[in-house]
């Protein structure tokens, strides 16, 4: 795929009410690998946000969309087909604009198509129930669409983290407004173009607004015209959204920060654990909420694991994501590269740095590249352990028994993902049961797919995405009571 050429529109537009709408000021989107210009996008604001909400509300209130599960299934299937037909170009454009390696971009497109197909099936299988609390009385309990859903899309995986909210919302019969990530504006415009081609999609069902800042997101949160808001991002912003949405008691689905621990027992397959944890820690250049960021290793295996991980980390190829030989691409921009380098310097003053992240030799300084970092930590309360860094950075901690491992794994305010590494299946299950987080992988990490729910405990948020539970945040439950009498 590295040789694939792609031609894309260099000027994005809002997609509102089924029409392409530019706005006055524009912002630029650049390639983090070399700072080259990818294109421009309109810098929307509250007016565009309100237009999108009005279009979504009109479609929800005046069309048969929410009452047509077969149409919704057909639309979701057609969306999946159109994304897959454009997969090579979408993947390359995502890599150019977002910095990630091509296999990650291609996997994101495939994952989005899978998500759409999964919820196409769910759209046609919604069920209610009937109860008869007394003779001659019948109560019908049904599910119906919650209304207009706002989705605030993060930049690190802008397609799959958009579609995992979009697909269940559409399957439920909702209409949608979207605040696109500015770091993937041209990519999201191309995604919108494919969706605009979808057969049977009523205009205004999906509306996508671009902006460089946060006024569109703020308008979505504040608007009484938005019934549900789905946000993926930092815990700090999630708390701010909760506070702003509280006066309306707006329903929220929040997947927030993470600090995923990997518990490596002394009987683990060392080669497998090192290989998979390194991949999970450097996926998306470490810019993922479930990335492997804390590695807890049994004392008897600790030195061997540390040395093997350090060796593998030093050999990891970092470079432009479009080149197939590179295992890790750029971080999202120069500001974040510089933030990470400052963080590594601070950690070097407080802890033992085994592998020090740095600018990558041979690559231009105007590219946002930084090699991964491995740090030994003694105090689990240190910011190195407690804070989400969104960087290719892993900490190492030691434990002596399984209870100690669980205590360390649970010692942060986050609870999104974790993994356990052991050849003893029952032992791994016991440890997994005691870790307080939404997903625990055994002898694997970061295996995410449409059929299995994800979501957080503690300050990692609430609500679930993917899976059957993924539709619940976008549905209301209605009870219809009737006295039908007796023969």
Protein backbone atom coordinates (compact mmCIF):
# COMPACT_ATOMS: atom_id res chain seq x y z
CA UNK A 1 0.00 0.00 0.00
CA UNK A 2 2.98 2.33 0.47
CA UNK A 3 3.05 2.93 -3.28
CA UNK A 4 -0.65 3.87 -3.49
CA UNK A 5 -1.34 7.35 -4.84
CA UNK A 6 -4.37 9.30 -3.71
CA UNK A 7 -5.93 12.50 -4.92
CA UNK A 8 -8.11 14.30 -2.41
CA UNK A 9 -10.06 17.52 -2.14
CA UNK A 10 -7.76 20.08 -0.54
CA UNK A 11 -10.70 22.14 0.70
CA UNK A 12 -13.10 20.49 3.13
CA UNK A 13 -16.66 21.67 3.72
CA UNK A 14 -19.32 21.23 6.36
CA UNK A 15 -21.93 18.60 5.52
CA UNK A 16 -25.22 19.88 6.94
CA UNK A 17 -28.73 18.90 5.91
CA UNK A 18 -27.37 16.93 2.98
CA UNK A 19 -25.54 19.94 1.51
CA UNK A 20 -21.88 21.00 1.37
CA UNK A 21 -21.50 24.33 3.12
CA UNK A 22 -18.25 26.31 3.33
CA UNK A 23 -17.84 29.06 5.89
CA UNK A 24 -15.73 32.20 5.96
CA UNK A 25 -12.43 31.66 7.79
CA UNK A 26 -10.47 28.46 7.21
CA UNK A 27 -7.73 26.59 9.04
CA UNK A 28 -4.96 24.47 7.58
CA UNK A 29 -4.20 20.80 8.15
CA UNK A 30 -0.60 19.60 7.86
CA UNK A 31 1.22 16.29 7.68
CA UNK A 32 2.95 15.72 11.05
CA UNK A 33 5.69 13.69 9.33
CA UNK A 34 7.05 16.61 7.30
CA UNK A 35 4.87 19.68 8.02
CA UNK A 36 3.60 19.73 4.41
CA UNK A 37 0.15 21.16 3.75
CA UNK A 38 -2.64 18.61 3.36
CA UNK A 39 -5.43 21.13 2.85
CA UNK A 40 -7.83 23.58 4.44
CA UNK A 41 -11.12 23.24 6.27
CA UNK A 42 -13.81 25.75 7.22
CA UNK A 43 -13.54 27.08 10.74
CA UNK A 44 -17.10 26.72 11.90
CA UNK A 45 -18.69 27.97 15.07
CA UNK A 46 -22.00 28.19 16.95
CA UNK A 47 -23.97 29.14 13.81
CA UNK A 48 -22.87 26.00 11.98
CA UNK A 49 -23.44 23.91 15.09
CA UNK A 50 -27.00 25.19 15.36
CA UNK A 51 -27.64 24.61 11.66
CA UNK A 52 -26.50 21.00 12.08
CA UNK A 53 -28.70 20.50 15.14
CA UNK A 54 -31.71 22.01 13.34
CA UNK A 55 -31.16 19.73 10.34
CA UNK A 56 -30.85 16.65 12.53
CA UNK A 57 -33.95 17.57 14.53
CA UNK A 58 -35.98 18.20 11.38
CA UNK A 59 -35.03 14.81 9.94
CA UNK A 60 -35.74 13.04 13.22
CA UNK A 61 -39.16 14.68 13.61
CA UNK A 62 -40.43 14.65 10.01
CA UNK A 63 -39.13 11.49 8.31
CA UNK A 64 -39.75 7.78 8.81
CA UNK A 65 -36.08 7.18 9.70
CA UNK A 66 -36.71 6.31 13.34
CA UNK A 67 -39.54 3.95 12.40
CA UNK A 68 -37.71 2.12 9.59
CA UNK A 69 -35.27 -0.47 10.96
CA UNK A 70 -34.88 -2.20 7.59
CA UNK A 71 -33.92 1.10 5.95
CA UNK A 72 -31.43 1.80 8.74
CA UNK A 73 -29.85 -1.63 8.28
CA UNK A 74 -29.62 -1.09 4.52
CA UNK A 75 -28.00 2.34 5.00
CA UNK A 76 -25.41 0.99 7.45
CA UNK A 77 -24.50 -1.85 5.10
CA UNK A 78 -24.14 0.54 2.16
CA UNK A 79 -21.96 2.89 4.22
CA UNK A 80 -19.68 -0.02 5.07
CA UNK A 81 -19.41 -1.04 1.42
CA UNK A 82 -18.57 2.49 0.28
CA UNK A 83 -15.90 2.96 2.94
CA UNK A 84 -14.30 -0.36 2.03
CA UNK A 85 -14.37 0.46 -1.68
CA UNK A 86 -12.31 3.58 -0.92
CA UNK A 87 -10.19 1.90 1.76
CA UNK A 88 -6.76 2.32 0.15
CA UNK A 89 -7.20 6.05 -0.46
CA UNK A 90 -8.80 6.64 2.92
CA UNK A 91 -5.96 4.85 4.70
CA UNK A 92 -3.25 6.80 2.91
CA UNK A 93 -4.98 10.13 3.50
CA UNK A 94 -5.40 9.29 7.19
CA UNK A 95 -1.70 8.47 7.46
CA UNK A 96 -0.71 11.70 5.68
CA UNK A 97 -2.88 13.85 7.92
CA UNK A 98 -2.64 11.93 11.19
CA UNK A 99 0.91 10.51 11.16
CA UNK A 100 0.09 6.89 11.98
CA UNK A 101 1.52 3.97 10.04
CA UNK A 102 -0.47 2.64 7.09
CA UNK A 103 -1.40 -0.68 8.65
CA UNK A 104 -3.04 1.21 11.54
CA UNK A 105 -4.94 3.44 9.12
CA UNK A 106 -6.04 0.46 7.03
CA UNK A 107 -7.12 -1.37 10.18
CA UNK A 108 -9.17 1.63 11.21
CA UNK A 109 -11.10 1.64 7.93
CA UNK A 110 -11.73 -2.11 8.17
CA UNK A 111 -12.79 -1.78 11.79
CA UNK A 112 -15.25 0.97 10.91
CA UNK A 113 -16.79 -1.15 8.16
CA UNK A 114 -17.12 -4.07 10.57
CA UNK A 115 -18.81 -1.81 13.12
CA UNK A 116 -21.34 -0.58 10.56
CA UNK A 117 -22.16 -4.13 9.49
CA UNK A 118 -22.54 -5.32 13.07
CA UNK A 119 -25.05 -2.61 13.91
CA UNK A 120 -26.90 -3.17 10.64
CA UNK A 121 -27.81 -6.53 12.14
CA UNK A 122 -28.69 -4.95 15.48
CA UNK A 123 -31.01 -2.46 13.78
CA UNK A 124 -33.29 -5.28 12.63
CA UNK A 125 -33.22 -7.27 15.86
CA UNK A 126 -34.46 -4.72 18.41
CA UNK A 127 -37.08 -6.29 20.66
CA UNK A 128 -39.42 -5.28 23.46
CA UNK A 129 -41.60 -7.28 25.79
CA UNK A 130 -45.21 -7.63 26.89
CA UNK A 131 -46.33 -8.07 30.49
CA UNK A 132 -49.81 -8.71 31.91
CA UNK A 133 -49.78 -7.43 35.50
CA UNK A 134 -53.48 -8.20 36.03
CA UNK A 135 -56.38 -9.83 34.15
CA UNK A 136 -57.44 -7.66 31.23
CA UNK A 137 -54.35 -5.44 31.45
CA UNK A 138 -51.52 -5.50 28.93
CA UNK A 139 -48.33 -3.44 29.09
CA UNK A 140 -45.97 -3.06 26.15
CA UNK A 141 -42.34 -2.15 26.90
CA UNK A 142 -40.49 -0.90 23.83
CA UNK A 143 -37.26 0.81 22.88
CA UNK A 144 -37.27 3.94 20.75
CA UNK A 145 -34.67 6.33 19.43
CA UNK A 146 -33.39 8.88 21.96
CA UNK A 147 -33.33 11.75 19.44
CA UNK A 148 -30.45 13.89 18.21
CA UNK A 149 -27.01 12.57 19.13
CA UNK A 150 -23.89 14.77 19.16
CA UNK A 151 -20.54 13.06 18.65
CA UNK A 152 -17.30 14.85 19.51
CA UNK A 153 -14.61 13.01 17.56
CA UNK A 154 -11.02 12.74 18.88
CA UNK A 155 -8.03 13.00 16.57
CA UNK A 156 -6.10 9.85 17.46
CA UNK A 157 -8.43 7.38 15.70
CA UNK A 158 -10.92 9.70 14.01
CA UNK A 159 -12.81 7.13 11.96
CA UNK A 160 -13.32 4.19 14.30
CA UNK A 161 -13.96 6.43 17.32
CA UNK A 162 -16.56 8.27 15.24
CA UNK A 163 -18.21 5.19 13.77
CA UNK A 164 -18.42 3.27 17.05
CA UNK A 165 -20.85 5.98 18.24
CA UNK A 166 -22.41 6.71 14.84
CA UNK A 167 -23.32 3.11 13.98
CA UNK A 168 -25.33 2.30 17.13
CA UNK A 169 -26.93 5.75 17.10
CA UNK A 170 -28.15 5.27 13.52
CA UNK A 171 -29.16 1.67 14.22
CA UNK A 172 -31.29 2.95 17.11
CA UNK A 173 -33.03 5.45 14.82
CA UNK A 174 -31.31 8.61 16.00
CA UNK A 175 -29.98 11.43 13.85
CA UNK A 176 -26.47 12.72 14.39
CA UNK A 177 -24.37 15.89 14.53
CA UNK A 178 -20.60 15.57 14.54
CA UNK A 179 -17.72 17.82 15.53
CA UNK A 180 -14.82 16.55 13.40
CA UNK A 181 -11.26 16.48 14.69
CA UNK A 182 -9.31 19.35 13.06
CA UNK A 183 -6.17 17.19 12.86
CA UNK A 184 -8.04 14.92 10.43
CA UNK A 185 -10.28 17.43 8.67
CA UNK A 186 -9.54 16.42 5.08
CA UNK A 187 -9.85 12.75 5.95
CA UNK A 188 -13.20 13.32 7.66
CA UNK A 189 -14.35 15.29 4.61
CA UNK A 190 -13.59 12.27 2.42
CA UNK A 191 -15.46 10.02 4.86
CA UNK A 192 -18.43 12.40 4.65
CA UNK A 193 -18.26 12.23 0.84
CA UNK A 194 -18.57 8.44 0.96
CA UNK A 195 -21.45 8.68 3.42
CA UNK A 196 -23.20 11.28 1.25
CA UNK A 197 -23.29 8.68 -1.54
CA UNK A 198 -25.14 6.18 0.65
CA UNK A 199 -28.41 4.93 -0.82
CA UNK A 200 -31.50 5.81 1.23
CA UNK A 201 -29.87 8.09 3.81
CA UNK A 202 -32.29 10.98 4.45
CA UNK A 203 -30.64 14.43 4.25
CA UNK A 204 -29.85 15.70 7.73
CA UNK A 205 -29.48 12.25 9.28
CA UNK A 206 -25.71 12.76 9.60
CA UNK A 207 -24.24 16.27 9.80
CA UNK A 208 -20.50 16.99 10.10
CA UNK A 209 -19.09 20.35 11.22
CA UNK A 210 -15.43 21.40 11.13
CA UNK A 211 -13.62 23.86 13.36
CA UNK A 212 -10.14 24.44 14.70
CA UNK A 213 -11.25 25.19 18.26
CA UNK A 214 -13.99 24.05 20.62
CA UNK A 215 -16.99 26.39 20.16
CA UNK A 216 -18.91 23.81 18.11
CA UNK A 217 -18.45 21.20 20.82
CA UNK A 218 -19.52 23.71 23.46
CA UNK A 219 -22.63 24.52 21.44
CA UNK A 220 -23.50 20.83 21.19
CA UNK A 221 -23.13 20.40 24.95
CA UNK A 222 -25.23 23.47 25.75
CA UNK A 223 -27.99 22.98 23.18
CA UNK A 224 -31.38 21.69 24.37
CA UNK A 225 -31.76 20.34 20.83
CA UNK A 226 -29.16 17.64 21.54
CA UNK A 227 -30.56 14.68 23.47
CA UNK A 228 -27.42 12.54 23.84
CA UNK A 229 -23.75 13.50 23.68
CA UNK A 230 -21.02 10.94 23.01
CA UNK A 231 -17.48 12.04 23.80
CA UNK A 232 -14.15 10.22 23.68
CA UNK A 233 -11.19 12.09 25.13
CA UNK A 234 -9.50 13.22 28.30
CA UNK A 235 -10.96 12.87 31.78
CA UNK A 236 -10.50 16.60 32.40
CA UNK A 237 -12.62 17.54 29.38
CA UNK A 238 -15.14 14.83 30.27
CA UNK A 239 -15.63 16.42 33.69
CA UNK A 240 -16.08 19.84 32.07
CA UNK A 241 -18.70 18.38 29.72
CA UNK A 242 -20.56 16.84 32.66
CA UNK A 243 -20.65 20.18 34.45
CA UNK A 244 -21.85 22.04 31.35
CA UNK A 245 -24.50 19.42 30.55
CA UNK A 246 -25.80 19.16 34.12
CA UNK A 247 -28.39 21.99 33.93
CA UNK A 248 -30.24 20.06 31.20
CA UNK A 249 -29.56 16.60 32.64
CA UNK A 250 -28.34 15.73 29.15
CA UNK A 251 -27.56 12.07 28.66
CA UNK A 252 -23.83 11.45 28.23
CA UNK A 253 -21.70 8.59 26.97
CA UNK A 254 -18.11 9.22 28.02
CA UNK A 255 -15.03 7.15 27.27
CA UNK A 256 -12.23 9.02 28.98
CA UNK A 257 -8.60 8.61 29.99
CA UNK A 258 -6.75 5.41 30.65
CA UNK A 259 -3.51 4.13 32.15
CA UNK A 260 -3.57 0.50 31.11
CA UNK A 261 -1.58 -1.88 33.36
CA UNK A 262 -0.03 -5.06 31.95
CA UNK A 263 0.47 -7.69 34.68
CA UNK A 264 3.35 -9.98 33.64
CA UNK A 265 3.56 -13.06 35.85
CA UNK A 266 6.76 -15.04 36.34
CA UNK A 267 5.36 -17.90 34.22
CA UNK A 268 4.53 -15.65 31.25
CA UNK A 269 5.83 -16.37 27.76
CA UNK A 270 8.58 -13.73 27.80
CA UNK A 271 8.95 -13.37 24.04
CA UNK A 272 5.21 -13.08 23.48
CA UNK A 273 4.75 -10.59 26.31
CA UNK A 274 7.58 -8.32 25.16
CA UNK A 275 6.49 -8.37 21.54
CA UNK A 276 2.80 -7.75 22.17
CA UNK A 277 3.20 -5.21 24.97
CA UNK A 278 5.66 -3.18 22.89
CA UNK A 279 3.18 -3.18 20.00
CA UNK A 280 0.37 -2.18 22.36
CA UNK A 281 2.45 0.60 23.91
CA UNK A 282 3.50 2.14 20.62
CA UNK A 283 0.24 1.74 18.68
CA UNK A 284 -0.78 5.14 17.29
CA UNK A 285 2.59 6.31 18.67
CA UNK A 286 1.25 5.67 22.17
CA UNK A 287 -1.64 8.07 21.60
CA UNK A 288 -4.43 5.71 22.58
CA UNK A 289 -6.42 5.52 25.80
CA UNK A 290 -5.95 1.74 26.10
CA UNK A 291 -2.28 1.73 25.07
CA UNK A 292 -0.02 -0.38 27.28
CA UNK A 293 1.48 2.31 29.50
CA UNK A 294 2.22 0.53 32.81
CA UNK A 295 4.02 -2.81 32.92
CA UNK A 296 3.91 -4.66 36.25
CA UNK A 297 6.39 -7.54 36.29
CA UNK A 298 6.93 -10.30 38.87
CA UNK A 299 10.25 -9.87 40.63
CA UNK A 300 11.60 -13.22 39.39
CA UNK A 301 11.09 -12.22 35.75
CA UNK A 302 11.70 -8.50 36.12
CA UNK A 303 15.34 -8.19 35.01
CA UNK A 304 14.88 -10.47 32.00
CA UNK A 305 11.74 -8.63 30.93
CA UNK A 306 13.32 -5.19 31.37
CA UNK A 307 16.36 -6.11 29.31
CA UNK A 308 14.33 -7.79 26.56
CA UNK A 309 11.89 -4.87 26.35
CA UNK A 310 14.72 -2.34 26.25
CA UNK A 311 16.40 -4.23 23.41
CA UNK A 312 13.17 -4.52 21.42
CA UNK A 313 12.32 -0.87 22.01
CA UNK A 314 15.71 0.31 20.77
CA UNK A 315 15.26 -1.68 17.55
CA UNK A 316 11.77 -0.32 16.83
CA UNK A 317 11.71 1.53 13.51
CA UNK A 318 10.20 5.00 13.72
CA UNK A 319 9.53 7.07 10.62
CA UNK A 320 6.97 8.26 8.07
CA UNK A 321 3.83 6.17 8.33
CA UNK A 322 3.48 5.75 4.57
CA UNK A 323 6.64 3.60 4.48
CA UNK A 324 5.86 -0.05 5.21
CA UNK A 325 9.14 -0.72 7.03
CA UNK A 326 8.28 1.66 9.88
CA UNK A 327 6.57 0.27 12.97
CA UNK A 328 5.66 3.62 14.53
CA UNK A 329 4.82 6.91 12.86
CA UNK A 330 4.82 10.52 13.97
CA UNK A 331 2.96 11.89 16.95
CA UNK A 332 0.15 14.26 16.07
CA UNK A 333 2.14 17.51 15.87
CA UNK A 334 5.34 19.29 16.85
CA UNK A 335 3.78 20.72 20.00
CA UNK A 336 3.08 17.22 21.28
CA UNK A 337 6.53 15.99 20.25
CA UNK A 338 8.09 18.80 22.28
CA UNK A 339 5.75 18.09 25.21
CA UNK A 340 6.84 14.45 25.20
CA UNK A 341 10.53 15.37 25.07
CA UNK A 342 10.09 17.70 28.05
CA UNK A 343 8.26 14.92 29.90
CA UNK A 344 11.13 12.50 29.24
CA UNK A 345 13.59 15.05 30.63
CA UNK A 346 11.47 15.43 33.78
CA UNK A 347 11.24 11.67 34.23
CA UNK A 348 15.01 11.42 33.89
CA UNK A 349 15.37 13.68 36.92
CA UNK A 350 13.05 11.53 39.06
CA UNK A 351 13.38 7.92 37.86
CA UNK A 352 15.69 5.43 36.17
CA UNK A 353 15.25 5.84 32.43
CA UNK A 354 16.15 2.56 30.71
CA UNK A 355 15.42 3.76 27.17
CA UNK A 356 15.25 7.51 26.59
CA UNK A 357 12.91 8.82 23.91
CA UNK A 358 14.46 11.40 21.60
CA UNK A 359 14.17 12.93 18.13
CA UNK A 360 14.88 10.22 15.58
CA UNK A 361 18.30 10.49 13.86
CA UNK A 362 18.09 10.91 10.11
CA UNK A 363 14.58 12.36 10.16
CA UNK A 364 13.88 16.08 9.72
CA UNK A 365 13.40 18.14 12.88
CA UNK A 366 10.19 19.56 11.40
CA UNK A 367 8.72 16.05 11.53
CA UNK A 368 6.91 15.15 14.77
CA UNK A 369 8.91 12.00 15.48
CA UNK A 370 10.04 10.77 18.88
CA UNK A 371 11.36 7.34 19.81
CA UNK A 372 9.76 5.38 22.70
CA UNK A 373 10.75 5.63 26.36
CA UNK A 374 11.03 2.98 29.10
CA UNK A 375 11.21 4.09 32.75
CA UNK A 376 11.64 2.14 36.01
CA UNK A 377 9.40 3.42 38.80
CA UNK A 378 9.43 2.56 42.50
CA UNK A 379 6.55 4.71 43.79
CA UNK A 380 3.13 3.96 42.24
CA UNK A 381 1.86 7.37 43.37
CA UNK A 382 4.29 9.28 41.17
CA UNK A 383 2.86 11.27 38.23
CA UNK A 384 4.72 8.93 35.88
CA UNK A 385 2.24 6.24 36.95
CA UNK A 386 -0.81 8.30 37.83
CA UNK A 387 -1.09 10.62 34.82
CA UNK A 388 -2.14 9.74 31.28
CA UNK A 389 0.69 10.92 29.03
CA UNK A 390 -0.60 10.01 25.54
CA UNK A 391 2.92 9.20 24.42
CA UNK A 392 5.09 6.20 23.46
CA UNK A 393 6.14 5.83 27.08
CA UNK A 394 5.97 2.83 29.39
CA UNK A 395 6.74 2.54 33.08
CA UNK A 396 8.06 -0.63 34.77
CA UNK A 397 6.98 -1.65 38.29
CA UNK A 398 7.76 -4.81 40.25
CA UNK A 399 5.43 -7.06 42.28
CA UNK A 400 6.00 -10.13 44.47
CA UNK A 401 2.64 -11.92 44.44
CA UNK A 402 -0.73 -11.81 42.73
CA UNK A 403 -2.38 -9.70 45.43
CA UNK A 404 0.38 -7.16 45.07
CA UNK A 405 -0.07 -7.15 41.30
CA UNK A 406 -3.79 -6.47 41.63
CA UNK A 407 -3.18 -3.70 44.17
CA UNK A 408 -0.75 -2.00 41.79
CA UNK A 409 -3.05 -2.47 38.79
CA UNK A 410 -5.90 -0.79 40.67
CA UNK A 411 -3.77 2.01 42.11
CA UNK A 412 -4.79 4.75 39.66
CA UNK A 413 -8.02 6.68 39.16
CA UNK A 414 -8.45 5.08 35.73
CA UNK A 415 -10.10 1.80 34.77
CA UNK A 416 -10.37 1.41 31.01
CA UNK A 417 -8.17 -1.52 29.94
CA UNK A 418 -5.59 -3.97 31.31
CA UNK A 419 -3.89 -7.21 30.38
CA UNK A 420 -2.61 -10.29 32.24
CA UNK A 421 0.26 -12.44 30.99
CA UNK A 422 0.57 -15.99 32.33
CA UNK A 423 0.69 -19.57 31.09
CA UNK A 424 -1.69 -20.51 33.94
CA UNK A 425 -5.17 -19.80 32.55
CA UNK A 426 -6.97 -20.07 35.89
CA UNK A 427 -4.45 -17.75 37.55
CA UNK A 428 -4.86 -15.21 34.77
CA UNK A 429 -8.64 -15.37 35.15
CA UNK A 430 -8.39 -14.83 38.91
CA UNK A 431 -6.22 -11.74 38.44
CA UNK A 432 -8.44 -10.41 35.64
CA UNK A 433 -11.50 -10.76 37.86
CA UNK A 434 -9.99 -8.48 40.51
CA UNK A 435 -8.77 -5.70 38.20
CA UNK A 436 -11.30 -2.86 38.18
CA UNK A 437 -11.55 -1.88 34.55
CA UNK A 438 -13.85 -2.30 31.58
CA UNK A 439 -11.70 -4.70 29.54
CA UNK A 440 -9.01 -7.21 30.53
CA UNK A 441 -7.10 -9.13 27.87
CA UNK A 442 -5.26 -12.35 28.70
CA UNK A 443 -1.97 -12.94 26.86
CA UNK A 444 -2.99 -10.16 24.48
CA UNK A 445 -3.60 -6.42 24.58
CA UNK A 446 -5.70 -3.91 22.65
CA UNK A 447 -7.88 -6.46 20.88
CA UNK A 448 -10.91 -4.31 20.08
CA UNK A 449 -13.81 -5.28 17.81
CA UNK A 450 -17.46 -4.57 17.17
CA UNK A 451 -18.91 -7.55 19.03
CA UNK A 452 -17.42 -6.81 22.48
CA UNK A 453 -18.25 -3.81 24.65
CA UNK A 454 -15.64 -1.30 25.81
CA UNK A 455 -15.91 1.36 28.48
CA UNK A 456 -14.48 2.54 31.74
CA UNK A 457 -14.63 2.18 35.48
CA UNK A 458 -13.80 5.06 37.83
CA UNK A 459 -12.55 8.20 36.05
CA UNK A 460 -12.34 6.43 32.70
CA UNK A 461 -15.98 7.30 32.10
CA UNK A 462 -19.32 5.54 31.80
CA UNK A 463 -21.53 4.05 29.15
CA UNK A 464 -20.46 1.31 26.78
CA UNK A 465 -19.58 1.30 23.09
CA UNK A 466 -19.41 -1.70 20.73
CA UNK A 467 -21.51 -4.79 21.30
CA UNK A 468 -25.18 -5.14 22.18
CA UNK A 469 -24.83 -2.73 25.10
CA UNK A 470 -23.47 -0.11 22.71
CA UNK A 471 -27.01 0.79 21.58
CA UNK A 472 -28.41 1.43 25.04
CA UNK A 473 -27.16 5.00 25.38
CA UNK A 474 -29.05 5.89 22.20
CA UNK A 475 -32.39 4.34 23.16
CA UNK A 476 -35.26 5.34 25.42
CA UNK A 477 -37.49 2.77 27.12
CA UNK A 478 -41.23 3.38 26.83
CA UNK A 479 -44.06 1.67 28.72
CA UNK A 480 -47.49 1.69 27.03
CA UNK A 481 -50.30 0.53 29.35
CA UNK A 482 -53.72 -0.60 28.12
CA UNK A 483 -56.77 -2.18 29.75
CA UNK A 484 -58.01 -4.53 27.06
CA UNK A 485 -60.66 -6.29 29.14
CA UNK A 486 -61.62 -9.96 29.05
CA UNK A 487 -63.79 -12.14 26.83
